[in-house]
């Protein structure tokens, strides 16, 4: 990812910030930039100041929900895999 792409993402990233997370735009952009550039961030603060919530929100901002159709064989292979949500769709 080149610098112009990173700059564009940072300009648009405030729209990804959830309303329930109270954080300045500058701090949000810092978190987003760290994710994009694969850098570590240490979030420190007292109990209950939403450190975990901030980390989850920035991670969720980059997760894409994706639906795909699978065969029965593929479905059976994934049944016992953690962190994968499997739903059966009704045939139309």
N, C-alpha and C. Protein backbone atom coordinates (compact mmCIF):
# COMPACT_ATOMS: atom_id res chain seq x y z
N UNK A 1 0.86 -1.17 0.00
CA UNK A 1 0.00 0.00 0.00
C UNK A 1 0.91 1.23 0.00
N UNK A 2 0.69 2.11 -0.98
CA UNK A 2 1.54 3.30 -1.05
C UNK A 2 1.01 4.43 -0.16
N UNK A 3 1.80 5.47 -0.04
CA UNK A 3 1.46 6.56 0.89
C UNK A 3 0.18 7.30 0.51
N UNK A 4 -0.10 7.43 -0.79
CA UNK A 4 -1.32 8.14 -1.19
C UNK A 4 -2.57 7.34 -0.81
N UNK A 5 -2.49 6.02 -0.89
CA UNK A 5 -3.62 5.19 -0.47
C UNK A 5 -3.84 5.29 1.03
N UNK A 6 -2.75 5.29 1.79
CA UNK A 6 -2.85 5.43 3.25
C UNK A 6 -3.45 6.78 3.60
N UNK A 7 -2.99 7.84 2.93
CA UNK A 7 -3.53 9.18 3.18
C UNK A 7 -5.02 9.25 2.90
N UNK A 8 -5.47 8.61 1.81
CA UNK A 8 -6.89 8.61 1.47
C UNK A 8 -7.71 7.88 2.53
N UNK A 9 -7.21 6.75 2.99
CA UNK A 9 -7.92 5.99 4.03
C UNK A 9 -7.99 6.81 5.30
N UNK A 10 -6.91 7.49 5.67
CA UNK A 10 -6.91 8.30 6.89
C UNK A 10 -7.86 9.49 6.79
N UNK A 11 -8.00 10.04 5.59
CA UNK A 11 -8.97 11.14 5.41
C UNK A 11 -10.41 10.66 5.60
N UNK A 12 -10.68 9.43 5.16
CA UNK A 12 -12.05 8.91 5.19
C UNK A 12 -12.36 8.07 6.43
N UNK A 13 -11.39 7.81 7.28
CA UNK A 13 -11.59 6.85 8.36
C UNK A 13 -12.48 7.35 9.49
N UNK A 14 -12.70 8.65 9.62
CA UNK A 14 -13.56 9.12 10.71
C UNK A 14 -14.99 8.64 10.53
N UNK A 15 -15.38 8.30 9.31
CA UNK A 15 -16.74 7.77 9.10
C UNK A 15 -16.85 6.34 9.64
N UNK A 16 -15.73 5.66 9.86
CA UNK A 16 -15.74 4.30 10.41
C UNK A 16 -15.85 4.28 11.92
N UNK A 17 -15.62 5.43 12.55
CA UNK A 17 -15.63 5.49 14.02
C UNK A 17 -17.06 5.37 14.52
N UNK A 18 -17.33 4.40 15.41
CA UNK A 18 -18.69 4.26 15.94
C UNK A 18 -19.05 5.42 16.86
N UNK A 19 -20.33 5.77 16.87
CA UNK A 19 -20.80 6.91 17.67
C UNK A 19 -20.68 6.65 19.17
N UNK A 20 -20.78 5.39 19.60
CA UNK A 20 -20.72 5.11 21.03
C UNK A 20 -19.31 5.17 21.59
N UNK A 21 -18.29 5.22 20.74
CA UNK A 21 -16.91 5.32 21.19
C UNK A 21 -16.51 6.80 21.26
N UNK A 22 -16.22 7.27 22.46
CA UNK A 22 -15.84 8.66 22.64
C UNK A 22 -14.32 8.74 22.57
N UNK A 23 -13.82 9.18 21.42
CA UNK A 23 -12.39 9.28 21.17
C UNK A 23 -12.19 10.42 20.17
N UNK A 24 -11.10 11.14 20.30
CA UNK A 24 -10.85 12.23 19.35
C UNK A 24 -10.56 11.66 17.97
N UNK A 25 -10.81 12.47 16.96
CA UNK A 25 -10.53 12.03 15.59
C UNK A 25 -9.04 11.74 15.40
N UNK A 26 -8.20 12.52 16.04
CA UNK A 26 -6.76 12.32 15.92
C UNK A 26 -6.33 10.96 16.48
N UNK A 27 -6.86 10.60 17.64
CA UNK A 27 -6.52 9.31 18.24
C UNK A 27 -7.08 8.16 17.40
N UNK A 28 -8.28 8.35 16.86
CA UNK A 28 -8.87 7.32 16.00
C UNK A 28 -8.00 7.11 14.76
N UNK A 29 -7.56 8.22 14.15
CA UNK A 29 -6.70 8.11 12.97
C UNK A 29 -5.38 7.42 13.31
N UNK A 30 -4.86 7.68 14.51
CA UNK A 30 -3.63 7.03 14.94
C UNK A 30 -3.82 5.52 15.02
N UNK A 31 -4.95 5.09 15.58
CA UNK A 31 -5.24 3.66 15.65
C UNK A 31 -5.37 3.05 14.26
N UNK A 32 -6.09 3.73 13.39
CA UNK A 32 -6.31 3.23 12.03
C UNK A 32 -4.98 3.13 11.29
N UNK A 33 -4.15 4.18 11.42
CA UNK A 33 -2.85 4.17 10.75
C UNK A 33 -1.98 3.02 11.25
N UNK A 34 -2.03 2.74 12.53
CA UNK A 34 -1.24 1.64 13.09
C UNK A 34 -1.70 0.30 12.51
N UNK A 35 -3.01 0.13 12.35
CA UNK A 35 -3.54 -1.11 11.76
C UNK A 35 -3.09 -1.24 10.31
N UNK A 36 -3.22 -0.15 9.55
CA UNK A 36 -2.86 -0.18 8.13
C UNK A 36 -1.38 -0.50 7.95
N UNK A 37 -0.54 0.06 8.78
CA UNK A 37 0.90 -0.12 8.64
C UNK A 37 1.44 -1.31 9.45
N UNK A 38 0.55 -2.09 10.02
CA UNK A 38 0.92 -3.29 10.80
C UNK A 38 1.86 -2.96 11.95
N UNK A 39 1.55 -1.90 12.66
CA UNK A 39 2.35 -1.50 13.82
C UNK A 39 1.60 -1.84 15.10
N UNK A 40 2.33 -1.98 16.18
CA UNK A 40 1.72 -2.24 17.48
C UNK A 40 1.35 -0.94 18.16
N UNK A 41 0.28 -0.99 18.94
CA UNK A 41 -0.16 0.16 19.72
C UNK A 41 -0.39 -0.32 21.14
N UNK A 42 0.13 0.42 22.11
CA UNK A 42 -0.13 0.10 23.51
C UNK A 42 -1.14 1.12 24.01
N UNK A 43 -2.30 0.62 24.41
CA UNK A 43 -3.35 1.49 24.94
C UNK A 43 -3.32 1.34 26.45
N UNK A 44 -3.09 2.43 27.14
CA UNK A 44 -3.02 2.38 28.60
C UNK A 44 -4.04 3.33 29.20
N UNK A 45 -4.49 3.01 30.37
CA UNK A 45 -5.45 3.85 31.08
C UNK A 45 -6.07 3.07 32.22
N UNK A 46 -6.85 3.76 33.04
CA UNK A 46 -7.48 3.09 34.18
C UNK A 46 -8.58 2.13 33.74
N UNK A 47 -9.01 1.32 34.65
CA UNK A 47 -10.10 0.38 34.38
C UNK A 47 -11.35 1.14 33.93
N UNK A 48 -12.02 0.61 32.95
CA UNK A 48 -13.30 1.17 32.53
C UNK A 48 -13.20 2.38 31.61
N UNK A 49 -12.02 2.66 31.05
CA UNK A 49 -11.92 3.85 30.18
C UNK A 49 -12.06 3.48 28.70
N UNK A 50 -12.52 2.31 28.40
CA UNK A 50 -12.87 1.85 27.04
C UNK A 50 -11.66 1.49 26.18
N UNK A 51 -10.61 1.00 26.80
CA UNK A 51 -9.44 0.55 26.03
C UNK A 51 -9.82 -0.62 25.13
N UNK A 52 -10.47 -1.61 25.70
CA UNK A 52 -10.87 -2.79 24.94
C UNK A 52 -11.90 -2.43 23.87
N UNK A 53 -12.81 -1.56 24.21
CA UNK A 53 -13.83 -1.14 23.25
C UNK A 53 -13.19 -0.45 22.04
N UNK A 54 -12.20 0.40 22.28
CA UNK A 54 -11.50 1.08 21.19
C UNK A 54 -10.80 0.07 20.29
N UNK A 55 -10.13 -0.91 20.89
CA UNK A 55 -9.43 -1.93 20.11
C UNK A 55 -10.42 -2.76 19.28
N UNK A 56 -11.54 -3.13 19.89
CA UNK A 56 -12.54 -3.92 19.16
C UNK A 56 -13.17 -3.10 18.04
N UNK A 57 -13.45 -1.83 18.29
CA UNK A 57 -14.08 -0.99 17.28
C UNK A 57 -13.17 -0.77 16.08
N UNK A 58 -11.89 -0.54 16.32
CA UNK A 58 -10.98 -0.33 15.19
C UNK A 58 -10.79 -1.63 14.41
N UNK A 59 -10.80 -2.76 15.09
CA UNK A 59 -10.71 -4.04 14.38
C UNK A 59 -11.97 -4.29 13.57
N UNK A 60 -13.12 -4.01 14.16
CA UNK A 60 -14.41 -4.23 13.49
C UNK A 60 -14.57 -3.33 12.27
N UNK A 61 -13.93 -2.17 12.30
CA UNK A 61 -14.04 -1.24 11.17
C UNK A 61 -13.45 -1.83 9.89
N UNK A 62 -12.54 -2.78 10.04
CA UNK A 62 -11.89 -3.36 8.87
C UNK A 62 -12.36 -4.77 8.55
N UNK A 63 -13.34 -5.26 9.25
CA UNK A 63 -13.86 -6.60 8.99
C UNK A 63 -14.99 -6.49 7.98
N UNK A 64 -14.93 -7.32 6.97
CA UNK A 64 -15.99 -7.35 5.97
C UNK A 64 -16.87 -8.56 6.23
N UNK A 65 -18.16 -8.33 6.34
CA UNK A 65 -19.08 -9.46 6.43
C UNK A 65 -19.21 -10.01 5.02
N UNK A 66 -19.11 -11.30 4.91
CA UNK A 66 -19.11 -11.90 3.58
C UNK A 66 -19.99 -13.14 3.59
N UNK A 67 -20.81 -13.22 2.59
CA UNK A 67 -21.66 -14.39 2.43
C UNK A 67 -21.16 -15.20 1.25
N UNK A 68 -21.16 -16.50 1.41
CA UNK A 68 -20.80 -17.34 0.28
C UNK A 68 -21.57 -18.65 0.36
N UNK A 69 -21.82 -19.21 -0.78
CA UNK A 69 -22.55 -20.46 -0.87
C UNK A 69 -21.55 -21.61 -0.85
N UNK A 70 -21.86 -22.63 -0.06
CA UNK A 70 -20.95 -23.77 0.08
C UNK A 70 -21.67 -25.06 -0.22
N UNK A 71 -20.89 -26.03 -0.59
CA UNK A 71 -21.44 -27.37 -0.78
C UNK A 71 -21.55 -28.03 0.59
N UNK A 72 -22.27 -29.13 0.67
CA UNK A 72 -22.41 -29.86 1.94
C UNK A 72 -21.05 -30.33 2.44
N UNK A 73 -20.19 -30.74 1.53
CA UNK A 73 -18.86 -31.21 1.92
C UNK A 73 -18.04 -30.08 2.56
N UNK A 74 -18.07 -28.91 1.96
CA UNK A 74 -17.36 -27.76 2.52
C UNK A 74 -17.95 -27.37 3.88
N UNK A 75 -19.26 -27.43 3.98
CA UNK A 75 -19.93 -27.09 5.23
C UNK A 75 -19.53 -28.05 6.35
N UNK A 76 -19.45 -29.32 6.06
CA UNK A 76 -19.05 -30.31 7.07
C UNK A 76 -17.62 -30.08 7.54
N UNK A 77 -16.73 -29.62 6.66
CA UNK A 77 -15.35 -29.35 7.06
C UNK A 77 -15.26 -28.16 8.01
N UNK A 78 -16.16 -27.19 7.86
CA UNK A 78 -16.11 -25.97 8.66
C UNK A 78 -16.95 -26.00 9.92
N UNK A 79 -17.73 -27.05 10.10
CA UNK A 79 -18.67 -27.11 11.23
C UNK A 79 -18.01 -26.85 12.58
N UNK A 80 -16.86 -27.42 12.82
CA UNK A 80 -16.22 -27.31 14.13
C UNK A 80 -15.13 -26.25 14.18
N UNK A 81 -15.11 -25.33 13.21
CA UNK A 81 -14.12 -24.26 13.20
C UNK A 81 -14.62 -23.10 14.03
N UNK A 82 -13.82 -22.63 15.01
CA UNK A 82 -14.25 -21.49 15.82
C UNK A 82 -14.23 -20.20 15.00
N UNK A 83 -15.01 -19.22 15.41
CA UNK A 83 -15.05 -17.88 14.82
C UNK A 83 -15.64 -17.83 13.42
N UNK A 84 -16.32 -18.88 13.00
CA UNK A 84 -17.01 -18.84 11.72
C UNK A 84 -18.49 -19.07 11.98
N UNK A 85 -19.30 -18.12 11.56
CA UNK A 85 -20.74 -18.21 11.76
C UNK A 85 -21.36 -18.86 10.53
N UNK A 86 -22.05 -19.96 10.73
CA UNK A 86 -22.64 -20.70 9.63
C UNK A 86 -24.15 -20.69 9.79
N UNK A 87 -24.82 -20.24 8.75
CA UNK A 87 -26.29 -20.22 8.75
C UNK A 87 -26.77 -20.91 7.49
N UNK A 88 -27.84 -21.65 7.63
CA UNK A 88 -28.45 -22.29 6.45
C UNK A 88 -29.48 -21.34 5.86
N UNK A 89 -29.35 -21.12 4.58
CA UNK A 89 -30.31 -20.26 3.88
C UNK A 89 -31.36 -21.16 3.25
N UNK A 90 -32.58 -20.66 3.22
CA UNK A 90 -33.65 -21.42 2.59
C UNK A 90 -33.52 -21.30 1.09
N UNK A 91 -33.84 -22.39 0.40
CA UNK A 91 -33.78 -22.37 -1.07
C UNK A 91 -34.92 -21.53 -1.61
N UNK A 92 -34.59 -20.78 -2.61
CA UNK A 92 -35.59 -19.89 -3.24
C UNK A 92 -36.12 -20.51 -4.48
